[in-house]
Every structure is written in C-alpha cells, then in structure tokens.
Amino acid sequence: MTTRIMTLIAALMTLLLAPAVTIALSPTPVTELRVEWEQVSRRGGAVVRGYIYNEHQMRAENVRVRVEQLDAEARPVVTRTVFVIGTIPYRDRGYFEVTMPAAGATYRVSIESFDRAGCGNG
C-alpha cells in the first residue's frame, strides 16, 4: 500500500476509536462559517450539539446544519437536518442541537445551506 493510503486508513481508525463524548471541528465548503460540535449520550440515544461561528462580514441567516450518523465504512446511515435559530451576526455564533438514535456512534456535521443578509451586526 502506498503511504497516502496508509495515512488515510490511520486517520479513519483514529476517528472510529473516538470516546463517547467527542468534540470536533467539521470542515465546510464555506470558509467564513465554522462548525464546532460535541456528541453527548442522553436517554439511550445521543444529542449532537454545537455552534456555528460566523467570520464573514455579513450576517448569516437560515443556516441549516446536516448531522450524519456513519457506519464502519463512513457511509451515512441516518441523516438529520436542523436550522440554527435566528441570525448569526458577524464574529458571533449560533447554537444547534439535534437528537440522534445511537449513542457512541460516529458522526459527520456540516453546513447544508445558509443565506447572507446585510453587512455587520445591524
């Protein structure tokens, strides 16, 4: 196997062996918005919760977050979407929380869509 494949396998194994409460940063195709999240066990299931950080000089509205529970091959088996409530001003954050069926699973969190509105925080 090539070094690149071995590195990829090592990175995937590290993700799969994460502890029950996981704090993670998820990349998004939009560089001005950043996702920071954690998974917490709750009543036989899990809650994925976190913040969307807005580093763009315009407000972010209608931010929709996608949370995917992954199988051993990193394929989505359960997908949920949730909206961040309200507008996320420049250099601020918005909270999200979604209930998932399995505690201790591996998750991928990303921004599905959002709208820009006006400049600054006004």
N, C-alpha and C. Protein backbone atom coordinates (compact mmCIF):
# COMPACT_ATOMS: atom_id res chain seq x y z
N MET A 1 0.84 -1.18 0.00
CA MET A 1 0.00 0.00 0.00
C MET A 1 0.88 1.24 0.00
N THR A 2 0.36 2.27 -0.58
CA THR A 2 1.13 3.49 -0.61
C THR A 2 1.04 4.22 0.72
N THR A 3 1.95 5.14 0.91
CA THR A 3 1.97 5.92 2.15
C THR A 3 0.70 6.73 2.30
N ARG A 4 0.18 7.25 1.21
CA ARG A 4 -1.04 8.06 1.26
C ARG A 4 -2.22 7.22 1.75
N ILE A 5 -2.37 6.01 1.26
CA ILE A 5 -3.46 5.14 1.68
C ILE A 5 -3.30 4.75 3.15
N MET A 6 -2.08 4.46 3.56
CA MET A 6 -1.83 4.11 4.96
C MET A 6 -2.17 5.27 5.89
N THR A 7 -1.84 6.48 5.47
CA THR A 7 -2.16 7.66 6.27
C THR A 7 -3.67 7.84 6.38
N LEU A 8 -4.38 7.63 5.27
CA LEU A 8 -5.84 7.75 5.27
C LEU A 8 -6.47 6.71 6.18
N ILE A 9 -5.99 5.49 6.12
CA ILE A 9 -6.52 4.43 6.99
C ILE A 9 -6.26 4.76 8.46
N ALA A 10 -5.09 5.26 8.78
CA ALA A 10 -4.77 5.63 10.16
C ALA A 10 -5.68 6.75 10.64
N ALA A 11 -5.94 7.72 9.79
CA ALA A 11 -6.83 8.84 10.17
C ALA A 11 -8.25 8.34 10.40
N LEU A 12 -8.75 7.46 9.55
CA LEU A 12 -10.10 6.92 9.73
C LEU A 12 -10.20 6.08 10.99
N MET A 13 -9.19 5.29 11.28
CA MET A 13 -9.21 4.49 12.50
C MET A 13 -9.21 5.37 13.75
N THR A 14 -8.48 6.47 13.72
CA THR A 14 -8.47 7.41 14.83
C THR A 14 -9.87 7.96 15.07
N LEU A 15 -10.57 8.31 13.99
CA LEU A 15 -11.94 8.83 14.12
C LEU A 15 -12.89 7.78 14.66
N LEU A 16 -12.75 6.54 14.24
CA LEU A 16 -13.66 5.49 14.67
C LEU A 16 -13.45 5.09 16.13
N LEU A 17 -12.27 5.33 16.67
CA LEU A 17 -11.96 4.95 18.04
C LEU A 17 -12.11 6.12 19.01
N ALA A 18 -12.88 7.12 18.64
CA ALA A 18 -13.08 8.31 19.48
C ALA A 18 -13.89 7.95 20.72
N PRO A 19 -13.74 8.71 21.81
CA PRO A 19 -14.50 8.44 23.04
C PRO A 19 -15.98 8.77 22.87
N ALA A 20 -16.79 8.41 23.88
CA ALA A 20 -18.24 8.60 23.81
C ALA A 20 -18.63 10.07 23.66
N VAL A 21 -17.94 10.97 24.32
CA VAL A 21 -18.19 12.40 24.14
C VAL A 21 -17.08 12.92 23.24
N THR A 22 -17.47 13.42 22.10
CA THR A 22 -16.49 13.83 21.11
C THR A 22 -16.66 15.30 20.81
N ILE A 23 -15.58 16.04 20.87
CA ILE A 23 -15.58 17.43 20.45
C ILE A 23 -14.84 17.46 19.13
N ALA A 24 -15.44 18.11 18.15
CA ALA A 24 -14.84 18.08 16.82
C ALA A 24 -15.06 19.38 16.08
N LEU A 25 -14.21 19.61 15.12
CA LEU A 25 -14.39 20.69 14.17
C LEU A 25 -14.72 20.04 12.84
N SER A 26 -15.77 20.47 12.21
CA SER A 26 -16.14 19.90 10.92
C SER A 26 -15.87 20.91 9.83
N PRO A 27 -15.19 20.48 8.78
CA PRO A 27 -14.96 21.40 7.67
C PRO A 27 -16.24 21.67 6.91
N THR A 28 -16.36 22.83 6.35
CA THR A 28 -17.48 23.18 5.49
C THR A 28 -16.91 23.77 4.22
N PRO A 29 -17.66 23.73 3.13
CA PRO A 29 -17.16 24.33 1.91
C PRO A 29 -17.09 25.86 1.99
N VAL A 30 -17.69 26.43 3.01
CA VAL A 30 -17.70 27.87 3.19
C VAL A 30 -16.67 28.21 4.25
N THR A 31 -15.67 28.99 3.90
CA THR A 31 -14.59 29.27 4.84
C THR A 31 -14.98 30.27 5.92
N GLU A 32 -16.03 31.05 5.70
CA GLU A 32 -16.42 32.06 6.69
C GLU A 32 -17.26 31.49 7.82
N LEU A 33 -17.82 30.30 7.65
CA LEU A 33 -18.61 29.66 8.70
C LEU A 33 -17.85 28.43 9.17
N ARG A 34 -17.86 28.23 10.48
CA ARG A 34 -17.14 27.11 11.08
C ARG A 34 -18.06 26.39 12.04
N VAL A 35 -18.01 25.07 12.03
CA VAL A 35 -18.84 24.24 12.92
C VAL A 35 -17.97 23.67 14.03
N GLU A 36 -18.44 23.80 15.25
CA GLU A 36 -17.80 23.18 16.41
C GLU A 36 -18.90 22.42 17.14
N TRP A 37 -18.68 21.12 17.40
CA TRP A 37 -19.76 20.31 17.95
C TRP A 37 -19.24 19.24 18.89
N GLU A 38 -20.20 18.65 19.64
CA GLU A 38 -19.91 17.52 20.50
C GLU A 38 -21.10 16.59 20.51
N GLN A 39 -20.85 15.33 20.85
CA GLN A 39 -21.90 14.34 20.98
C GLN A 39 -22.02 13.97 22.45
N VAL A 40 -23.25 13.96 22.96
CA VAL A 40 -23.49 13.64 24.36
C VAL A 40 -24.56 12.56 24.43
N SER A 41 -24.34 11.52 25.23
CA SER A 41 -25.34 10.47 25.40
C SER A 41 -26.50 11.00 26.23
N ARG A 42 -27.72 10.63 25.81
CA ARG A 42 -28.90 11.08 26.54
C ARG A 42 -30.04 10.09 26.31
N ARG A 43 -30.53 9.49 27.39
CA ARG A 43 -31.70 8.59 27.37
C ARG A 43 -31.64 7.53 26.27
N GLY A 44 -30.56 6.77 26.20
CA GLY A 44 -30.44 5.69 25.24
C GLY A 44 -30.08 6.12 23.84
N GLY A 45 -30.04 7.40 23.59
CA GLY A 45 -29.66 7.92 22.28
C GLY A 45 -28.51 8.88 22.42
N ALA A 46 -28.45 9.80 21.50
CA ALA A 46 -27.38 10.79 21.54
C ALA A 46 -27.92 12.14 21.11
N VAL A 47 -27.28 13.17 21.59
CA VAL A 47 -27.55 14.53 21.15
C VAL A 47 -26.26 15.06 20.55
N VAL A 48 -26.37 15.57 19.33
CA VAL A 48 -25.25 16.26 18.71
C VAL A 48 -25.58 17.73 18.81
N ARG A 49 -24.69 18.48 19.47
CA ARG A 49 -24.96 19.90 19.71
C ARG A 49 -23.69 20.70 19.47
N GLY A 50 -23.88 21.97 19.18
CA GLY A 50 -22.70 22.78 18.96
C GLY A 50 -23.04 24.17 18.48
N TYR A 51 -22.04 24.82 17.89
CA TYR A 51 -22.17 26.20 17.45
C TYR A 51 -21.67 26.35 16.02
N ILE A 52 -22.31 27.27 15.31
CA ILE A 52 -21.83 27.71 14.01
C ILE A 52 -21.23 29.10 14.24
N TYR A 53 -19.97 29.27 13.89
CA TYR A 53 -19.26 30.54 14.05
C TYR A 53 -19.24 31.28 12.72
N ASN A 54 -19.59 32.55 12.73
CA ASN A 54 -19.63 33.38 11.53
C ASN A 54 -18.45 34.34 11.53
N GLU A 55 -17.51 34.15 10.60
CA GLU A 55 -16.36 35.04 10.47
C GLU A 55 -16.48 35.96 9.25
N HIS A 56 -17.60 35.90 8.56
CA HIS A 56 -17.82 36.75 7.39
C HIS A 56 -18.33 38.10 7.86
N GLN A 57 -18.15 39.14 7.06
CA GLN A 57 -18.59 40.47 7.45
C GLN A 57 -20.08 40.71 7.20
N MET A 58 -20.78 39.70 6.75
CA MET A 58 -22.23 39.78 6.60
C MET A 58 -22.87 38.79 7.57
N ARG A 59 -24.10 39.08 7.96
CA ARG A 59 -24.83 38.17 8.85
C ARG A 59 -25.19 36.88 8.09
N ALA A 60 -25.30 35.80 8.81
CA ALA A 60 -25.74 34.52 8.24
C ALA A 60 -27.14 34.22 8.76
N GLU A 61 -28.04 33.88 7.85
CA GLU A 61 -29.42 33.56 8.22
C GLU A 61 -29.81 32.22 7.60
N ASN A 62 -30.87 31.63 8.15
CA ASN A 62 -31.40 30.37 7.63
C ASN A 62 -30.31 29.31 7.51
N VAL A 63 -29.46 29.23 8.52
CA VAL A 63 -28.36 28.26 8.49
C VAL A 63 -28.92 26.88 8.79
N ARG A 64 -28.72 25.97 7.85
CA ARG A 64 -29.20 24.60 8.01
C ARG A 64 -28.00 23.67 8.19
N VAL A 65 -28.02 22.89 9.28
CA VAL A 65 -26.93 22.00 9.65
C VAL A 65 -27.35 20.56 9.36
N ARG A 66 -26.46 19.80 8.73
CA ARG A 66 -26.70 18.38 8.46
C ARG A 66 -25.84 17.55 9.42
N VAL A 67 -26.49 16.60 10.11
CA VAL A 67 -25.79 15.67 11.00
C VAL A 67 -26.01 14.27 10.45
N GLU A 68 -24.91 13.57 10.18
CA GLU A 68 -24.98 12.22 9.62
C GLU A 68 -24.34 11.23 10.59
N GLN A 69 -25.07 10.16 10.89
CA GLN A 69 -24.50 9.05 11.65
C GLN A 69 -23.88 8.12 10.62
N LEU A 70 -22.62 7.72 10.84
CA LEU A 70 -21.88 6.95 9.85
C LEU A 70 -21.71 5.49 10.26
N ASP A 71 -21.67 4.61 9.27
CA ASP A 71 -21.38 3.21 9.54
C ASP A 71 -19.86 2.99 9.54
N ALA A 72 -19.42 1.76 9.63
CA ALA A 72 -17.99 1.46 9.72
C ALA A 72 -17.21 1.88 8.47
N GLU A 73 -17.89 1.98 7.33
CA GLU A 73 -17.23 2.41 6.08
C GLU A 73 -17.40 3.90 5.84
N ALA A 74 -17.83 4.64 6.86
CA ALA A 74 -18.03 6.10 6.80
C ALA A 74 -19.14 6.49 5.82
N ARG A 75 -20.13 5.62 5.66
CA ARG A 75 -21.30 5.93 4.84
C ARG A 75 -22.44 6.35 5.76
N PRO A 76 -23.22 7.37 5.38
CA PRO A 76 -24.34 7.81 6.22
C PRO A 76 -25.43 6.74 6.32
N VAL A 77 -25.88 6.47 7.54
CA VAL A 77 -27.00 5.55 7.76
C VAL A 77 -28.21 6.28 8.32
N VAL A 78 -27.99 7.39 8.99
CA VAL A 78 -29.06 8.25 9.49
C VAL A 78 -28.63 9.69 9.23
N THR A 79 -29.54 10.48 8.66
CA THR A 79 -29.25 11.89 8.40
C THR A 79 -30.37 12.74 8.98
N ARG A 80 -29.98 13.76 9.72
CA ARG A 80 -30.95 14.72 10.26
C ARG A 80 -30.47 16.12 9.90
N THR A 81 -31.42 17.01 9.69
CA THR A 81 -31.08 18.41 9.47
C THR A 81 -31.79 19.26 10.51
N VAL A 82 -31.16 20.36 10.86
CA VAL A 82 -31.72 21.27 11.86
C VAL A 82 -31.32 22.69 11.47
N PHE A 83 -32.21 23.63 11.73
CA PHE A 83 -31.91 25.04 11.49
C PHE A 83 -31.33 25.67 12.74
N VAL A 84 -30.35 26.54 12.56
CA VAL A 84 -29.87 27.38 13.65
C VAL A 84 -30.92 28.47 13.82
N ILE A 85 -31.40 28.67 15.03
CA ILE A 85 -32.44 29.66 15.28
C ILE A 85 -31.87 31.07 15.17
N GLY A 86 -32.56 31.91 14.39
CA GLY A 86 -32.19 33.32 14.30
C GLY A 86 -31.04 33.60 13.35
N THR A 87 -30.55 34.82 13.44
CA THR A 87 -29.45 35.31 12.61
C THR A 87 -28.15 35.19 13.38
N ILE A 88 -27.08 34.85 12.68
CA ILE A 88 -25.76 34.80 13.30
C ILE A 88 -25.00 36.05 12.86
N PRO A 89 -24.82 37.02 13.75
CA PRO A 89 -24.10 38.24 13.39
C PRO A 89 -22.63 37.97 13.09
N TYR A 90 -21.99 38.95 12.50
CA TYR A 90 -20.55 38.90 12.22
C TYR A 90 -19.79 38.69 13.52
N ARG A 91 -18.82 37.79 13.50
CA ARG A 91 -17.99 37.43 14.66
C ARG A 91 -18.81 36.99 15.86
N ASP A 92 -19.86 36.23 15.58
CA ASP A 92 -20.70 35.69 16.64
C ASP A 92 -20.99 34.23 16.31
N ARG A 93 -21.84 33.59 17.09
CA ARG A 93 -22.14 32.19 16.88
C ARG A 93 -23.62 31.92 17.10
N GLY A 94 -24.09 30.82 16.54
CA GLY A 94 -25.45 30.36 16.72
C GLY A 94 -25.44 28.91 17.16
N TYR A 95 -26.37 28.55 18.04
CA TYR A 95 -26.42 27.21 18.65
C TYR A 95 -27.33 26.28 17.86
N PHE A 96 -26.98 25.00 17.81
CA PHE A 96 -27.85 23.97 17.25
C PHE A 96 -27.78 22.73 18.11
N GLU A 97 -28.85 21.93 18.02
CA GLU A 97 -28.92 20.68 18.77
C GLU A 97 -29.86 19.75 18.03
N VAL A 98 -29.46 18.50 17.87
CA VAL A 98 -30.30 17.51 17.19
C VAL A 98 -30.17 16.17 17.91
N THR A 99 -31.29 15.47 18.08
CA THR A 99 -31.31 14.17 18.71
C THR A 99 -31.04 13.10 17.65
N MET A 100 -30.14 12.16 17.99
CA MET A 100 -29.79 11.07 17.09
C MET A 100 -30.10 9.75 17.80
N PRO A 101 -30.36 8.67 17.04
CA PRO A 101 -30.80 7.42 17.66
C PRO A 101 -29.73 6.62 18.40
N ALA A 102 -28.46 6.78 18.06
CA ALA A 102 -27.44 5.90 18.64
C ALA A 102 -26.35 6.68 19.36
N ALA A 103 -26.16 6.36 20.64
CA ALA A 103 -25.05 6.94 21.39
C ALA A 103 -23.77 6.21 21.03
N GLY A 104 -22.65 6.91 21.05
CA GLY A 104 -21.37 6.30 20.78
C GLY A 104 -21.07 6.07 19.32
N ALA A 105 -21.96 6.48 18.44
CA ALA A 105 -21.73 6.31 17.00
C ALA A 105 -20.77 7.38 16.51
N THR A 106 -20.35 7.24 15.25
CA THR A 106 -19.50 8.23 14.61
C THR A 106 -20.40 9.16 13.81
N TYR A 107 -20.14 10.45 13.90
CA TYR A 107 -20.97 11.45 13.23
C TYR A 107 -20.15 12.35 12.34
N ARG A 108 -20.82 12.91 11.34
CA ARG A 108 -20.24 13.96 10.50
C ARG A 108 -21.23 15.12 10.53
N VAL A 109 -20.73 16.32 10.81
CA VAL A 109 -21.58 17.51 10.90
C VAL A 109 -21.09 18.52 9.87
N SER A 110 -22.03 19.07 9.11
CA SER A 110 -21.66 20.05 8.08
C SER A 110 -22.78 21.06 7.89
N ILE A 111 -22.43 22.17 7.27
CA ILE A 111 -23.42 23.19 6.94
C ILE A 111 -24.01 22.84 5.59
N GLU A 112 -25.33 22.66 5.57
CA GLU A 112 -26.01 22.28 4.34
C GLU A 112 -26.31 23.50 3.48
N SER A 113 -26.78 24.57 4.11
CA SER A 113 -27.08 25.79 3.36
C SER A 113 -27.22 26.95 4.32
N PHE A 114 -27.17 28.18 3.76
CA PHE A 114 -27.37 29.39 4.55
C PHE A 114 -27.57 30.55 3.59
N ASP A 115 -28.05 31.66 4.12
CA ASP A 115 -28.23 32.89 3.36
C ASP A 115 -27.41 33.99 4.01
N ARG A 116 -26.93 34.93 3.20
CA ARG A 116 -26.25 36.12 3.70
C ARG A 116 -27.26 37.25 3.77
N ALA A 117 -27.10 38.12 4.77
CA ALA A 117 -28.02 39.24 4.92
C ALA A 117 -27.28 40.46 5.45
N GLY A 118 -27.32 41.56 4.70
CA GLY A 118 -26.76 42.82 5.17
C GLY A 118 -25.32 42.74 5.62
N CYS A 119 -24.78 43.88 5.97
CA CYS A 119 -23.39 43.96 6.44
C CYS A 119 -23.37 44.19 7.93
N GLY A 120 -22.35 43.70 8.58
CA GLY A 120 -22.13 43.96 10.00
C GLY A 120 -23.14 43.28 10.89
N ASN A 121 -23.40 43.88 12.05
CA ASN A 121 -24.28 43.30 13.05
C ASN A 121 -25.60 44.03 13.17
N GLY A 122 -25.86 45.01 12.34
CA GLY A 122 -27.07 45.80 12.45
C GLY A 122 -28.28 45.23 11.84
